[in-house]
C-alpha atoms as a PDB file:
ATOM      1  CA  MET A   1      -0.079  -0.003   0.086  1.00  0.00           C
ATOM      2  CA  SER A   2       2.482   2.349   0.816  1.00  0.00           C
ATOM      3  CA  ASP A   3       4.081   1.845  -2.864  1.00  0.00           C
ATOM      4  CA  ALA A   4       0.813   2.972  -4.252  1.00  0.00           C
ATOM      5  CA  ASN A   5       0.477   5.904  -1.943  1.00  0.00           C
ATOM      6  CA  SER A   6       4.040   6.929  -3.177  1.00  0.00           C
ATOM      7  CA  VAL A   7       2.972   6.766  -6.781  1.00  0.00           C
ATOM      8  CA  THR A   8       0.052   8.677  -6.442  1.00  0.00           C
ATOM      9  CA  ARG A   9       1.675  11.664  -4.576  1.00  0.00           C
ATOM     10  CA  SER A  10       4.359  11.964  -7.240  1.00  0.00           C
ATOM     11  CA  LEU A  11       1.820  11.769  -9.857  1.00  0.00           C
ATOM     12  CA  ARG A  12      -0.058  14.709  -8.080  1.00  0.00           C
ATOM     13  CA  GLU A  13       3.188  16.572  -8.057  1.00  0.00           C
ATOM     14  CA  ARG A  14       4.050  16.110 -11.409  1.00  0.00           C
ATOM     15  CA  LEU A  15       0.631  16.984 -12.684  1.00  0.00           C
ATOM     16  CA  GLY A  16       0.244  19.708 -10.596  1.00  0.00           C
ATOM     17  CA  GLY A  17       3.487  21.470 -11.035  1.00  0.00           C
ATOM     18  CA  GLY A  18       3.314  21.176 -14.716  1.00  0.00           C
ATOM     19  CA  THR A  19      -0.321  22.105 -14.709  1.00  0.00           C
ATOM     20  CA  GLU A  20      -0.145  25.237 -13.019  1.00  0.00           C
ATOM     21  CA  ASP A  21       2.575  26.362 -15.394  1.00  0.00           C
ATOM     22  CA  ARG A  22       0.921  25.363 -18.220  1.00  0.00           C
ATOM     23  CA  LEU A  23      -2.300  27.032 -17.422  1.00  0.00           C
ATOM     24  CA  GLY A  24      -0.360  30.380 -16.475  1.00  0.00           C
ATOM     25  CA  ARG A  25       1.350  30.322 -19.804  1.00  0.00           C
ATOM     26  CA  ALA A  26      -2.284  29.818 -21.668  1.00  0.00           C
ATOM     27  CA  LEU A  27      -3.846  32.735 -20.061  1.00  0.00           C
ATOM     28  CA  SER A  28      -1.072  35.212 -20.339  1.00  0.00           C
ATOM     29  CA  GLU A  29      -1.172  34.150 -24.654  1.00  0.00           C
ATOM     30  CA  LEU A  30      -4.937  34.426 -24.232  1.00  0.00           C
ATOM     31  CA  LEU A  31      -4.551  37.877 -22.571  1.00  0.00           C
ATOM     32  CA  GLU A  32      -1.981  39.039 -25.241  1.00  0.00           C
ATOM     33  CA  ASN A  33      -4.170  38.051 -27.876  1.00  0.00           C
ATOM     34  CA  PRO A  34      -5.624  41.218 -29.325  1.00  0.00           C
ATOM     35  CA  LEU A  35      -8.727  39.587 -30.724  1.00  0.00           C
ATOM     36  CA  LEU A  36      -9.736  38.329 -27.353  1.00  0.00           C
ATOM     37  CA  THR A  37      -8.910  41.867 -25.486  1.00  0.00           C
ATOM     38  CA  GLY A  38     -11.095  43.517 -28.202  1.00  0.00           C
ATOM     39  CA  ALA A  39     -13.840  41.274 -27.825  1.00  0.00           C
ATOM     40  CA  LEU A  40     -13.765  41.718 -24.135  1.00  0.00           C
ATOM     41  CA  GLY A  41     -13.744  45.359 -24.323  1.00  0.00           C
ATOM     42  CA  ARG A  42     -16.687  45.187 -26.853  1.00  0.00           C
ATOM     43  CA  ALA A  43     -18.622  42.838 -24.295  1.00  0.00           C
ATOM     44  CA  PHE A  44     -18.276  45.511 -21.421  1.00  0.00           C
ATOM     45  CA  ASP A  45     -19.146  48.466 -23.812  1.00  0.00           C
ATOM     46  CA  ALA A  46     -22.241  46.401 -24.615  1.00  0.00           C
ATOM     47  CA  ARG A  47     -23.045  45.824 -20.868  1.00  0.00           C
ATOM     48  CA  GLU A  48     -22.922  49.358 -19.989  1.00  0.00           C
ATOM     49  CA  LYS A  49     -25.131  50.493 -22.822  1.00  0.00           C
ATOM     50  CA  ALA A  50     -27.653  47.944 -22.016  1.00  0.00           C
ATOM     51  CA  ALA A  51     -27.575  49.181 -18.387  1.00  0.00           C
ATOM     52  CA  GLN A  52     -28.375  52.774 -19.597  1.00  0.00           C
ATOM     53  CA  ALA A  53     -31.016  51.720 -21.719  1.00  0.00           C
ATOM     54  CA  GLN A  54     -32.503  49.737 -19.090  1.00  0.00           C
ATOM     55  CA  GLU A  55     -32.574  52.773 -16.976  1.00  0.00           C
ATOM     56  CA  VAL A  56     -34.115  54.864 -19.794  1.00  0.00           C
ATOM     57  CA  ALA A  57     -36.685  52.441 -20.090  1.00  0.00           C
ATOM     58  CA  MET A  58     -37.220  52.057 -16.664  1.00  0.00           C
ATOM     59  CA  GLY A  59     -37.578  55.669 -16.291  1.00  0.00           C
ATOM     60  CA  ALA A  60     -40.088  56.054 -19.074  1.00  0.00           C
ATOM     61  CA  LEU A  61     -42.407  53.320 -17.314  1.00  0.00           C
ATOM     62  CA  ASN A  62     -41.781  55.594 -14.012  1.00  0.00           C
ATOM     63  CA  LEU A  63     -40.149  52.635 -12.312  1.00  0.00           C
ATOM     64  CA  PRO A  64     -37.039  52.877 -10.220  1.00  0.00           C
ATOM     65  CA  SER A  65     -33.677  51.608 -11.375  1.00  0.00           C
ATOM     66  CA  ALA A  66     -31.118  49.997  -9.088  1.00  0.00           C
ATOM     67  CA  ALA A  67     -29.166  53.127  -8.876  1.00  0.00           C
ATOM     68  CA  ASP A  68     -32.309  55.286  -7.813  1.00  0.00           C
ATOM     69  CA  ILE A  69     -32.952  52.560  -5.333  1.00  0.00           C
ATOM     70  CA  GLU A  70     -29.500  52.904  -4.161  1.00  0.00           C
ATOM     71  CA  ARG A  71     -29.353  56.766  -4.036  1.00  0.00           C
ATOM     72  CA  LEU A  72     -32.941  56.565  -2.093  1.00  0.00           C
ATOM     73  CA  THR A  73     -31.328  54.147   0.559  1.00  0.00           C
ATOM     74  CA  ARG A  74     -28.453  56.426   1.094  1.00  0.00           C
ATOM     75  CA  ARG A  75     -30.848  59.501   1.395  1.00  0.00           C
ATOM     76  CA  LEU A  76     -32.926  57.503   3.909  1.00  0.00           C
ATOM     77  CA  ARG A  77     -30.039  56.550   6.027  1.00  0.00           C
ATOM     78  CA  SER A  78     -29.018  60.289   6.056  1.00  0.00           C
ATOM     79  CA  VAL A  79     -32.685  61.108   7.465  1.00  0.00           C
ATOM     80  CA  SER A  80     -32.531  58.356   9.657  1.00  0.00           C
ATOM     81  CA  TYR A  81     -29.137  59.470  11.493  1.00  0.00           C
ATOM     82  CA  ARG A  82     -30.179  63.102  11.561  1.00  0.00           C
ATOM     83  CA  LEU A  83     -33.702  61.948  13.003  1.00  0.00           C
ATOM     84  CA  GLU A  84     -31.556  60.134  15.824  1.00  0.00           C
ATOM     85  CA  GLY A  85     -29.823  63.106  16.554  1.00  0.00           C
ATOM     86  CA  ILE A  86     -32.873  65.161  16.963  1.00  0.00           C
ATOM     87  CA  GLU A  87     -34.540  62.631  19.360  1.00  0.00           C
ATOM     88  CA  ASP A  88     -31.286  62.547  21.535  1.00  0.00           C
ATOM     89  CA  GLY A  89     -31.335  66.115  21.604  1.00  0.00           C
ATOM     90  CA  LEU A  90     -35.019  66.075  22.760  1.00  0.00           C
ATOM     91  CA  GLY A  91     -34.192  63.355  25.412  1.00  0.00           C
ATOM     92  CA  ARG A  92     -31.676  65.534  26.953  1.00  0.00           C
ATOM     93  CA  LEU A  93     -34.104  68.702  26.648  1.00  0.00           C
ATOM     94  CA  ASP A  94     -37.025  66.409  28.692  1.00  0.00           C
ATOM     95  CA  ARG A  95     -34.214  65.238  31.068  1.00  0.00           C
ATOM     96  CA  GLY A  96     -33.215  68.782  31.838  1.00  0.00           C
ATOM     97  CA  LEU A  97     -36.931  70.169  31.860  1.00  0.00           C
ATOM     98  CA  ALA A  98     -38.000  67.202  33.756  1.00  0.00           C
ATOM     99  CA  ALA A  99     -40.888  68.461  36.283  1.00  0.00           C
ATOM    100  CA  GLY A 100     -38.673  68.677  39.331  1.00  0.00           C
ATOM    101  CA  GLY A 101     -35.783  69.983  37.414  1.00  0.00           C
ATOM    102  CA  VAL A 102     -36.828  73.649  36.470  1.00  0.00           C
ATOM    103  CA  ASP A 103     -39.612  73.909  39.299  1.00  0.00           C
ATOM    104  CA  ALA A 104     -36.873  73.222  42.000  1.00  0.00           C
ATOM    105  CA  ARG A 105     -34.620  75.991  40.510  1.00  0.00           C
ATOM    106  CA  LEU A 106     -37.041  78.570  40.373  1.00  0.00           C
ATOM    107  CA  SER A 107     -38.400  77.831  43.919  1.00  0.00           C
ATOM    108  CA  ALA A 108     -34.773  78.159  45.266  1.00  0.00           C
ATOM    109  CA  ILE A 109     -34.359  81.435  43.255  1.00  0.00           C
ATOM    110  CA  GLU A 110     -37.599  82.332  44.760  1.00  0.00           C
ATOM    111  CA  GLN A 111     -36.437  81.562  48.275  1.00  0.00           C
ATOM    112  CA  ARG A 112     -33.277  83.274  47.718  1.00  0.00           C
ATOM    113  CA  LEU A 113     -35.182  86.524  46.545  1.00  0.00           C
ATOM    114  CA  GLU A 114     -37.597  86.381  49.827  1.00  0.00           C
ATOM    115  CA  THR A 115     -34.583  86.129  52.174  1.00  0.00           C
ATOM    116  CA  LEU A 116     -32.821  89.034  50.601  1.00  0.00           C
ATOM    117  CA  ALA A 117     -35.985  91.263  50.520  1.00  0.00           C
ATOM    118  CA  GLU A 118     -36.562  90.231  54.489  1.00  0.00           C
ATOM    119  CA  LYS A 119     -32.950  91.393  55.386  1.00  0.00           C
ATOM    120  CA  LEU A 120     -33.395  94.668  53.547  1.00  0.00           C
ATOM    121  CA  GLU A 121     -36.977  95.261  55.045  1.00  0.00           C
ATOM    122  CA  ALA A 122     -35.983  94.128  58.522  1.00  0.00           C
ATOM    123  CA  LYS A 123     -32.586  96.262  58.801  1.00  0.00           C
ATOM    124  CA  PRO A 124     -33.370  99.923  57.793  1.00  0.00           C
ATOM    125  CA  GLU A 125     -31.755 101.177  60.847  1.00  0.00           C
ATOM    126  CA  SER A 126     -28.910  99.351  60.692  1.00  0.00           C
ATOM    127  CA  ARG A 127     -28.291 100.650  57.078  1.00  0.00           C
ATOM    128  CA  ALA A 128     -28.446 104.190  58.555  1.00  0.00           C
ATOM    129  CA  THR A 129     -26.199 103.225  61.083  1.00  0.00           C
ATOM    130  CA  GLU A 130     -23.755 101.959  58.430  1.00  0.00           C
ATOM    131  CA  ALA A 131     -24.118 104.906  56.161  1.00  0.00           C
ATOM    132  CA  ALA A 132     -23.361 107.169  59.194  1.00  0.00           C
ATOM    133  CA  ALA A 133     -20.168 104.972  59.842  1.00  0.00           C
ATOM    134  CA  SER A 134     -19.203 105.257  56.410  1.00  0.00           C
ATOM    135  CA  ALA A 135     -19.749 109.037  56.460  1.00  0.00           C
ATOM    136  CA  GLY A 136     -17.732 109.120  59.404  1.00  0.00           C
ATOM    137  CA  GLU A 137     -14.758 107.305  58.200  1.00  0.00           C
ATOM    138  CA  HIS A 138     -14.799 109.502  54.960  1.00  0.00           C
ATOM    139  CA  ALA A 139     -14.947 112.491  57.274  1.00  0.00           C
ATOM    140  CA  ALA A 140     -11.773 110.992  59.152  1.00  0.00           C
ATOM    141  CA  VAL A 141      -9.917 110.817  56.057  1.00  0.00           C
ATOM    142  CA  ARG A 142     -10.646 114.270  54.681  1.00  0.00           C
ATOM    143  CA  PRO A 143     -11.505 117.408  56.816  1.00  0.00           C
ATOM    144  CA  ALA A 144     -14.653 118.946  56.139  1.00  0.00           C
ATOM    145  CA  PRO A 145     -14.424 122.186  54.203  1.00  0.00           C
ATOM    146  CA  GLU A 146     -15.297 124.223  56.845  1.00  0.00           C
ATOM    147  CA  GLU A 147     -12.400 122.962  59.158  1.00  0.00           C
ATOM    148  CA  GLN A 148     -10.045 123.637  56.267  1.00  0.00           C
ATOM    149  CA  HIS A 149     -10.628 127.233  56.363  1.00  0.00           C
ATOM    150  CA  ALA A 150     -11.305 127.582  60.077  1.00  0.00           C
ATOM    151  CA  PRO A 151      -7.858 129.072  60.933  1.00  0.00           C
ATOM    152  CA  ARG A 152      -8.039 131.696  58.186  1.00  0.00           C
ATOM    153  CA  ALA A 153     -11.435 132.494  59.108  1.00  0.00           C
ATOM    154  CA  ALA A 154     -10.699 132.237  63.089  1.00  0.00           C
ATOM    155  CA  ALA A 155      -7.913 135.019  62.587  1.00  0.00           C
ATOM    156  CA  ALA A 156     -10.310 137.161  60.402  1.00  0.00           C
ATOM    157  CA  ARG A 157     -13.389 136.900  63.172  1.00  0.00           C
ATOM    158  CA  PRO A 158     -13.705 139.554  65.860  1.00  0.00           C
ATOM    159  CA  ALA A 159     -13.293 138.080  69.362  1.00  0.00           C
ATOM    160  CA  GLY A 160     -16.912 138.041  70.864  1.00  0.00           C
ATOM    161  CA  GLY A 161     -18.356 137.515  66.981  1.00  0.00           C
ATOM    162  CA  SER A 162     -21.654 135.922  66.110  1.00  0.00           C
ATOM    163  CA  SER A 163     -20.039 135.215  62.820  1.00  0.00           C
ATOM    164  CA  SER A 164     -19.536 131.598  64.701  1.00  0.00           C
ATOM    165  CA  ALA A 165     -22.920 130.905  64.587  1.00  0.00           C
ATOM    166  CA  ALA A 166     -23.382 131.376  60.950  1.00  0.00           C
ATOM    167  CA  PRO A 167     -21.243 128.260  59.813  1.00  0.00           C
ATOM    168  CA  SER A 168     -23.262 126.049  62.226  1.00  0.00           C
ATOM    169  CA  ALA A 169     -26.311 127.251  60.981  1.00  0.00           C
ATOM    170  CA  LYS A 170     -25.326 126.506  57.401  1.00  0.00           C
ATOM    171  CA  ALA A 171     -24.526 122.950  58.403  1.00  0.00           C
ATOM    172  CA  LYS A 172     -27.698 121.945  59.988  1.00  0.00           C
ATOM    173  CA  PRO A 173     -29.819 122.448  57.026  1.00  0.00           C
ATOM    174  CA  LYS A 174     -27.501 120.225  55.137  1.00  0.00           C
ATOM    175  CA  ARG A 175     -28.052 117.622  57.396  1.00  0.00           C
ATOM    176  CA  ALA A 176     -31.599 117.880  57.562  1.00  0.00           C
ATOM    177  CA  LYS A 177     -31.732 117.189  53.708  1.00  0.00           C
ATOM    178  CA  ALA A 178     -29.653 114.323  54.222  1.00  0.00           C
ATOM    179  CA  LYS A 179     -31.924 112.829  56.599  1.00  0.00           C
ATOM    180  CA  SER A 180     -35.049 113.342  54.485  1.00  0.00           C
ATOM    181  CA  LYS A 181     -33.339 111.853  51.465  1.00  0.00           C
ATOM    182  CA  ARG A 182     -32.640 108.624  53.664  1.00  0.00           C
ATOM    183  CA  ALA A 183     -36.289 108.381  54.833  1.00  0.00           C
END
């Protein structure tokens, strides 16, 4: 049996090796033949013309061709992708505008506004105190205009003078005006 197997293998090797070479040579000779290449070119041209004639005939009958169906399929895919994007965006909006989301934010803002309003209404006296304190700070930094000119005015005044009452009288109405603006 081993002799039969070895004979079979050697025969396959001889036929396989020789057959591949022979087949390769035959194909190369066929492809180099101008008659065969011309026939193949004409066949491909005839196929293209037949496909064009088919499209024209189907268009005349108002039937879609394979190219029309392919174009339509691509457009439908494009629309489908866009629609999925829109659906995703709407989903995000729904989550953002959920019943608790916006209402909770608005109620938190309203509460903060109420507490600020209460603080402003509850402490008008403290605001007046703060304003007076800040005015005092400014006065400490800069001397009042009356104080700046006081040494000159004291030198020009007579000793028993009633002119000292005049600057204080002018200062009182200014303070009264300032208090009426605050109220």
